[in-house]
């Protein structure tokens, strides 16, 4: 009757500690720059989590993460920079994205280099285009299916009318309008 009986005896204590022990959490809104760790990646991560989804002045956000990005770039940890920038980009609205990107380019392009900035911009643009293509294809498929269903219903209605079924019975069973069915009935007669 105890959920921890489901664990092997050697793992029971670990399960209890994992599931029941309190987890220390950090309220990033209550932290200041002095409370941040000294590791540039952690500084970038904490600030991305702190400022990413919030509506903040893009200039202020870029200013806060600038030093960490410069340190990471000096150590060729551009993959980490790339990940953080993608996060900032993804969690912001369309208007905010452009303002953030402009601030980022203005302050950090001289440090990171134009090639790195272009590669990030191109990747984001390509992903956006791919999402748009996928959405367009899905909409086209749905519209095509709907049109196919409508054409199928029209053919069923033609067959029923040709077999002598009453317009009201066909309307009730196909969901097609009386006017459409009357027109079909005339076509069937000719």
C-alpha atoms as a PDB file:
ATOM      1  CA  UNK A   1       0.000   0.000   0.000  1.00  0.00           C
ATOM      2  CA  UNK A   2       3.069   2.228  -0.080  1.00  0.00           C
ATOM      3  CA  UNK A   3       4.189   3.561  -3.452  1.00  0.00           C
ATOM      4  CA  UNK A   4       7.821   3.163  -2.417  1.00  0.00           C
ATOM      5  CA  UNK A   5       7.271  -0.607  -2.131  1.00  0.00           C
ATOM      6  CA  UNK A   6       7.347  -0.551  -5.946  1.00  0.00           C
ATOM      7  CA  UNK A   7      11.072   0.231  -5.806  1.00  0.00           C
ATOM      8  CA  UNK A   8      13.752  -2.359  -5.186  1.00  0.00           C
ATOM      9  CA  UNK A   9      15.082  -2.171  -1.599  1.00  0.00           C
ATOM     10  CA  UNK A  10      18.422  -0.754  -2.761  1.00  0.00           C
ATOM     11  CA  UNK A  11      16.631   2.077  -4.634  1.00  0.00           C
ATOM     12  CA  UNK A  12      13.877   2.816  -2.131  1.00  0.00           C
ATOM     13  CA  UNK A  13      15.807   5.499  -0.221  1.00  0.00           C
ATOM     14  CA  UNK A  14      16.906   7.205  -3.421  1.00  0.00           C
ATOM     15  CA  UNK A  15      13.296   7.219  -4.683  1.00  0.00           C
ATOM     16  CA  UNK A  16      12.081   8.719  -1.421  1.00  0.00           C
ATOM     17  CA  UNK A  17      14.718  11.450  -1.548  1.00  0.00           C
ATOM     18  CA  UNK A  18      13.964  12.206  -5.177  1.00  0.00           C
ATOM     19  CA  UNK A  19      10.192  12.277  -4.899  1.00  0.00           C
ATOM     20  CA  UNK A  20       9.665  13.701  -1.427  1.00  0.00           C
ATOM     21  CA  UNK A  21      12.702  15.816  -0.552  1.00  0.00           C
ATOM     22  CA  UNK A  22      12.287  19.565  -1.124  1.00  0.00           C
ATOM     23  CA  UNK A  23      13.942  20.947  -4.212  1.00  0.00           C
ATOM     24  CA  UNK A  24      15.903  24.156  -3.844  1.00  0.00           C
ATOM     25  CA  UNK A  25      14.584  26.656  -6.356  1.00  0.00           C
ATOM     26  CA  UNK A  26      16.003  29.993  -7.360  1.00  0.00           C
ATOM     27  CA  UNK A  27      13.720  32.964  -7.901  1.00  0.00           C
ATOM     28  CA  UNK A  28      15.610  34.676 -10.704  1.00  0.00           C
ATOM     29  CA  UNK A  29      13.509  37.802 -10.319  1.00  0.00           C
ATOM     30  CA  UNK A  30      14.964  38.244  -6.830  1.00  0.00           C
ATOM     31  CA  UNK A  31      18.586  37.803  -7.925  1.00  0.00           C
ATOM     32  CA  UNK A  32      20.891  40.626  -8.820  1.00  0.00           C
ATOM     33  CA  UNK A  33      24.087  40.632 -10.817  1.00  0.00           C
ATOM     34  CA  UNK A  34      26.067  40.155  -7.599  1.00  0.00           C
ATOM     35  CA  UNK A  35      24.147  36.945  -6.830  1.00  0.00           C
ATOM     36  CA  UNK A  36      24.927  35.411 -10.205  1.00  0.00           C
ATOM     37  CA  UNK A  37      27.602  32.727 -10.530  1.00  0.00           C
ATOM     38  CA  UNK A  38      30.856  33.711 -12.200  1.00  0.00           C
ATOM     39  CA  UNK A  39      30.699  31.125 -15.008  1.00  0.00           C
ATOM     40  CA  UNK A  40      29.768  32.941 -18.267  1.00  0.00           C
ATOM     41  CA  UNK A  41      27.537  30.088 -19.439  1.00  0.00           C
ATOM     42  CA  UNK A  42      25.561  30.117 -16.162  1.00  0.00           C
ATOM     43  CA  UNK A  43      25.299  33.898 -16.320  1.00  0.00           C
ATOM     44  CA  UNK A  44      23.930  33.630 -19.849  1.00  0.00           C
ATOM     45  CA  UNK A  45      21.578  30.789 -18.890  1.00  0.00           C
ATOM     46  CA  UNK A  46      20.214  32.513 -15.777  1.00  0.00           C
ATOM     47  CA  UNK A  47      19.690  35.790 -17.621  1.00  0.00           C
ATOM     48  CA  UNK A  48      18.037  34.003 -20.547  1.00  0.00           C
ATOM     49  CA  UNK A  49      15.606  32.405 -18.103  1.00  0.00           C
ATOM     50  CA  UNK A  50      15.161  35.647 -16.187  1.00  0.00           C
ATOM     51  CA  UNK A  51      14.667  38.026 -19.119  1.00  0.00           C
ATOM     52  CA  UNK A  52      13.764  35.749 -22.019  1.00  0.00           C
ATOM     53  CA  UNK A  53       9.984  35.467 -21.810  1.00  0.00           C
ATOM     54  CA  UNK A  54       9.430  38.835 -20.145  1.00  0.00           C
ATOM     55  CA  UNK A  55       8.778  42.033 -22.021  1.00  0.00           C
ATOM     56  CA  UNK A  56      11.943  43.982 -21.304  1.00  0.00           C
ATOM     57  CA  UNK A  57      13.842  46.655 -23.101  1.00  0.00           C
ATOM     58  CA  UNK A  58      15.942  44.763 -25.683  1.00  0.00           C
ATOM     59  CA  UNK A  59      18.863  47.141 -25.149  1.00  0.00           C
ATOM     60  CA  UNK A  60      18.907  46.372 -21.416  1.00  0.00           C
ATOM     61  CA  UNK A  61      18.695  42.602 -21.994  1.00  0.00           C
ATOM     62  CA  UNK A  62      21.539  42.607 -24.508  1.00  0.00           C
ATOM     63  CA  UNK A  63      23.604  44.777 -22.173  1.00  0.00           C
ATOM     64  CA  UNK A  64      23.082  42.243 -19.349  1.00  0.00           C
ATOM     65  CA  UNK A  65      24.154  39.236 -21.439  1.00  0.00           C
ATOM     66  CA  UNK A  66      26.860  40.995 -23.436  1.00  0.00           C
ATOM     67  CA  UNK A  67      29.828  40.261 -21.132  1.00  0.00           C
ATOM     68  CA  UNK A  68      28.938  36.572 -20.811  1.00  0.00           C
ATOM     69  CA  UNK A  69      28.636  36.245 -24.587  1.00  0.00           C
ATOM     70  CA  UNK A  70      31.983  37.957 -25.132  1.00  0.00           C
ATOM     71  CA  UNK A  71      33.676  35.549 -22.680  1.00  0.00           C
ATOM     72  CA  UNK A  72      32.065  32.547 -24.353  1.00  0.00           C
ATOM     73  CA  UNK A  73      33.054  33.800 -27.806  1.00  0.00           C
ATOM     74  CA  UNK A  74      36.648  34.286 -26.683  1.00  0.00           C
ATOM     75  CA  UNK A  75      36.686  30.605 -25.629  1.00  0.00           C
ATOM     76  CA  UNK A  76      35.043  29.493 -28.890  1.00  0.00           C
ATOM     77  CA  UNK A  77      31.885  28.377 -27.074  1.00  0.00           C
ATOM     78  CA  UNK A  78      29.710  29.801 -29.826  1.00  0.00           C
ATOM     79  CA  UNK A  79      27.358  26.822 -29.661  1.00  0.00           C
ATOM     80  CA  UNK A  80      26.267  27.982 -26.214  1.00  0.00           C
ATOM     81  CA  UNK A  81      25.806  31.519 -27.481  1.00  0.00           C
ATOM     82  CA  UNK A  82      23.816  30.207 -30.408  1.00  0.00           C
ATOM     83  CA  UNK A  83      21.516  28.211 -28.093  1.00  0.00           C
ATOM     84  CA  UNK A  84      20.855  31.191 -25.827  1.00  0.00           C
ATOM     85  CA  UNK A  85      20.149  33.515 -28.755  1.00  0.00           C
ATOM     86  CA  UNK A  86      17.721  31.029 -30.258  1.00  0.00           C
ATOM     87  CA  UNK A  87      15.932  30.853 -26.909  1.00  0.00           C
ATOM     88  CA  UNK A  88      15.660  34.649 -26.685  1.00  0.00           C
ATOM     89  CA  UNK A  89      14.404  34.722 -30.246  1.00  0.00           C
ATOM     90  CA  UNK A  90      11.819  31.960 -29.801  1.00  0.00           C
ATOM     91  CA  UNK A  91      10.205  33.272 -26.595  1.00  0.00           C
ATOM     92  CA  UNK A  92       9.651  36.795 -27.890  1.00  0.00           C
ATOM     93  CA  UNK A  93       6.826  38.129 -30.028  1.00  0.00           C
ATOM     94  CA  UNK A  94       7.411  39.076 -33.644  1.00  0.00           C
ATOM     95  CA  UNK A  95       7.885  42.803 -32.956  1.00  0.00           C
ATOM     96  CA  UNK A  96      10.168  42.157 -29.997  1.00  0.00           C
ATOM     97  CA  UNK A  97      12.276  39.704 -32.006  1.00  0.00           C
ATOM     98  CA  UNK A  98      13.261  42.354 -34.505  1.00  0.00           C
ATOM     99  CA  UNK A  99      14.145  44.911 -31.823  1.00  0.00           C
ATOM    100  CA  UNK A 100      16.126  42.316 -29.870  1.00  0.00           C
ATOM    101  CA  UNK A 101      17.980  41.194 -32.992  1.00  0.00           C
ATOM    102  CA  UNK A 102      18.856  44.770 -33.964  1.00  0.00           C
ATOM    103  CA  UNK A 103      20.248  45.480 -30.484  1.00  0.00           C
ATOM    104  CA  UNK A 104      22.138  42.224 -30.473  1.00  0.00           C
ATOM    105  CA  UNK A 105      23.682  42.943 -33.878  1.00  0.00           C
ATOM    106  CA  UNK A 106      24.611  46.501 -32.961  1.00  0.00           C
ATOM    107  CA  UNK A 107      26.366  45.543 -29.722  1.00  0.00           C
ATOM    108  CA  UNK A 108      27.831  42.117 -30.477  1.00  0.00           C
ATOM    109  CA  UNK A 109      28.456  41.794 -34.190  1.00  0.00           C
ATOM    110  CA  UNK A 110      31.888  43.454 -33.808  1.00  0.00           C
ATOM    111  CA  UNK A 111      32.827  40.797 -31.221  1.00  0.00           C
ATOM    112  CA  UNK A 112      31.212  37.709 -32.751  1.00  0.00           C
ATOM    113  CA  UNK A 113      31.785  38.594 -36.363  1.00  0.00           C
ATOM    114  CA  UNK A 114      29.419  39.034 -39.261  1.00  0.00           C
ATOM    115  CA  UNK A 115      29.692  35.405 -40.391  1.00  0.00           C
ATOM    116  CA  UNK A 116      28.344  34.096 -37.060  1.00  0.00           C
ATOM    117  CA  UNK A 117      25.524  36.643 -37.016  1.00  0.00           C
ATOM    118  CA  UNK A 118      24.507  35.782 -40.572  1.00  0.00           C
ATOM    119  CA  UNK A 119      24.544  32.045 -39.831  1.00  0.00           C
ATOM    120  CA  UNK A 120      22.151  32.517 -36.902  1.00  0.00           C
ATOM    121  CA  UNK A 121      19.879  34.806 -38.909  1.00  0.00           C
ATOM    122  CA  UNK A 122      19.831  32.413 -41.862  1.00  0.00           C
ATOM    123  CA  UNK A 123      19.049  29.423 -39.670  1.00  0.00           C
ATOM    124  CA  UNK A 124      16.163  31.234 -37.980  1.00  0.00           C
ATOM    125  CA  UNK A 125      14.856  32.419 -41.350  1.00  0.00           C
ATOM    126  CA  UNK A 126      15.104  28.889 -42.826  1.00  0.00           C
ATOM    127  CA  UNK A 127      13.218  27.405 -39.873  1.00  0.00           C
ATOM    128  CA  UNK A 128      10.523  30.046 -40.243  1.00  0.00           C
ATOM    129  CA  UNK A 129      10.196  29.304 -43.943  1.00  0.00           C
ATOM    130  CA  UNK A 130      10.029  25.559 -43.258  1.00  0.00           C
ATOM    131  CA  UNK A 131       7.279  26.061 -40.674  1.00  0.00           C
ATOM    132  CA  UNK A 132       5.370  28.215 -43.155  1.00  0.00           C
ATOM    133  CA  UNK A 133       5.703  25.591 -45.882  1.00  0.00           C
ATOM    134  CA  UNK A 134       4.544  22.847 -43.522  1.00  0.00           C
ATOM    135  CA  UNK A 135       1.551  24.899 -42.401  1.00  0.00           C
ATOM    136  CA  UNK A 136       0.688  25.690 -46.022  1.00  0.00           C
ATOM    137  CA  UNK A 137       0.945  22.045 -47.007  1.00  0.00           C
ATOM    138  CA  UNK A 138      -1.261  21.002 -44.096  1.00  0.00           C
ATOM    139  CA  UNK A 139      -3.867  23.606 -45.025  1.00  0.00           C
ATOM    140  CA  UNK A 140      -3.752  22.444 -48.660  1.00  0.00           C
ATOM    141  CA  UNK A 141      -4.208  18.825 -47.601  1.00  0.00           C
ATOM    142  CA  UNK A 142      -7.148  19.753 -45.380  1.00  0.00           C
ATOM    143  CA  UNK A 143      -8.753  21.793 -48.156  1.00  0.00           C
ATOM    144  CA  UNK A 144      -8.158  18.978 -50.638  1.00  0.00           C
ATOM    145  CA  UNK A 145      -9.714  16.450 -48.283  1.00  0.00           C
ATOM    146  CA  UNK A 146     -12.707  18.712 -47.741  1.00  0.00           C
ATOM    147  CA  UNK A 147     -13.156  19.148 -51.480  1.00  0.00           C
ATOM    148  CA  UNK A 148     -12.865  15.379 -51.966  1.00  0.00           C
ATOM    149  CA  UNK A 149     -15.500  14.771 -49.305  1.00  0.00           C
ATOM    150  CA  UNK A 150     -17.801  17.305 -50.946  1.00  0.00           C
ATOM    151  CA  UNK A 151     -17.285  15.691 -54.367  1.00  0.00           C
ATOM    152  CA  UNK A 152     -17.929  12.268 -52.840  1.00  0.00           C
ATOM    153  CA  UNK A 153     -21.171  13.477 -51.240  1.00  0.00           C
ATOM    154  CA  UNK A 154     -22.287  14.944 -54.548  1.00  0.00           C
ATOM    155  CA  UNK A 155     -21.646  11.614 -56.275  1.00  0.00           C
ATOM    156  CA  UNK A 156     -23.525   9.710 -53.555  1.00  0.00           C
ATOM    157  CA  UNK A 157     -26.421  12.172 -53.894  1.00  0.00           C
ATOM    158  CA  UNK A 158     -26.432  11.707 -57.714  1.00  0.00           C
ATOM    159  CA  UNK A 159     -26.530   7.938 -57.284  1.00  0.00           C
ATOM    160  CA  UNK A 160     -29.332   8.093 -54.707  1.00  0.00           C
ATOM    161  CA  UNK A 161     -31.394  10.465 -56.848  1.00  0.00           C
ATOM    162  CA  UNK A 162     -30.812   8.303 -59.928  1.00  0.00           C
ATOM    163  CA  UNK A 163     -32.045   5.310 -57.921  1.00  0.00           C
ATOM    164  CA  UNK A 164     -35.316   7.138 -57.227  1.00  0.00           C
ATOM    165  CA  UNK A 165     -34.788   8.392 -53.684  1.00  0.00           C
ATOM    166  CA  UNK A 166     -36.716  11.514 -52.685  1.00  0.00           C
ATOM    167  CA  UNK A 167     -34.790  14.837 -52.445  1.00  0.00           C
ATOM    168  CA  UNK A 168     -35.720  15.165 -48.747  1.00  0.00           C
ATOM    169  CA  UNK A 169     -34.297  11.709 -47.916  1.00  0.00           C
ATOM    170  CA  UNK A 170     -31.071  12.454 -49.804  1.00  0.00           C
ATOM    171  CA  UNK A 171     -30.763  15.869 -48.105  1.00  0.00           C
ATOM    172  CA  UNK A 172     -31.226  14.340 -44.681  1.00  0.00           C
ATOM    173  CA  UNK A 173     -28.576  11.665 -45.308  1.00  0.00           C
ATOM    174  CA  UNK A 174     -25.962  13.751 -47.125  1.00  0.00           C
ATOM    175  CA  UNK A 175     -26.351  17.155 -45.480  1.00  0.00           C
ATOM    176  CA  UNK A 176     -26.490  18.806 -48.902  1.00  0.00           C
ATOM    177  CA  UNK A 177     -28.810  21.757 -49.507  1.00  0.00           C
ATOM    178  CA  UNK A 178     -32.174  21.288 -51.251  1.00  0.00           C
ATOM    179  CA  UNK A 179     -31.195  23.689 -54.015  1.00  0.00           C
ATOM    180  CA  UNK A 180     -28.072  21.666 -54.799  1.00  0.00           C
ATOM    181  CA  UNK A 181     -30.032  18.425 -54.761  1.00  0.00           C
ATOM    182  CA  UNK A 182     -32.781  19.803 -57.026  1.00  0.00           C
ATOM    183  CA  UNK A 183     -30.108  20.874 -59.504  1.00  0.00           C
ATOM    184  CA  UNK A 184     -28.526  17.406 -59.306  1.00  0.00           C
ATOM    185  CA  UNK A 185     -31.925  15.772 -59.837  1.00  0.00           C
ATOM    186  CA  UNK A 186     -32.387  17.815 -63.015  1.00  0.00           C
ATOM    187  CA  UNK A 187     -28.913  16.731 -64.217  1.00  0.00           C
ATOM    188  CA  UNK A 188     -29.723  13.094 -63.470  1.00  0.00           C
ATOM    189  CA  UNK A 189     -32.921  13.260 -65.536  1.00  0.00           C
ATOM    190  CA  UNK A 190     -31.045  14.529 -68.618  1.00  0.00           C
END
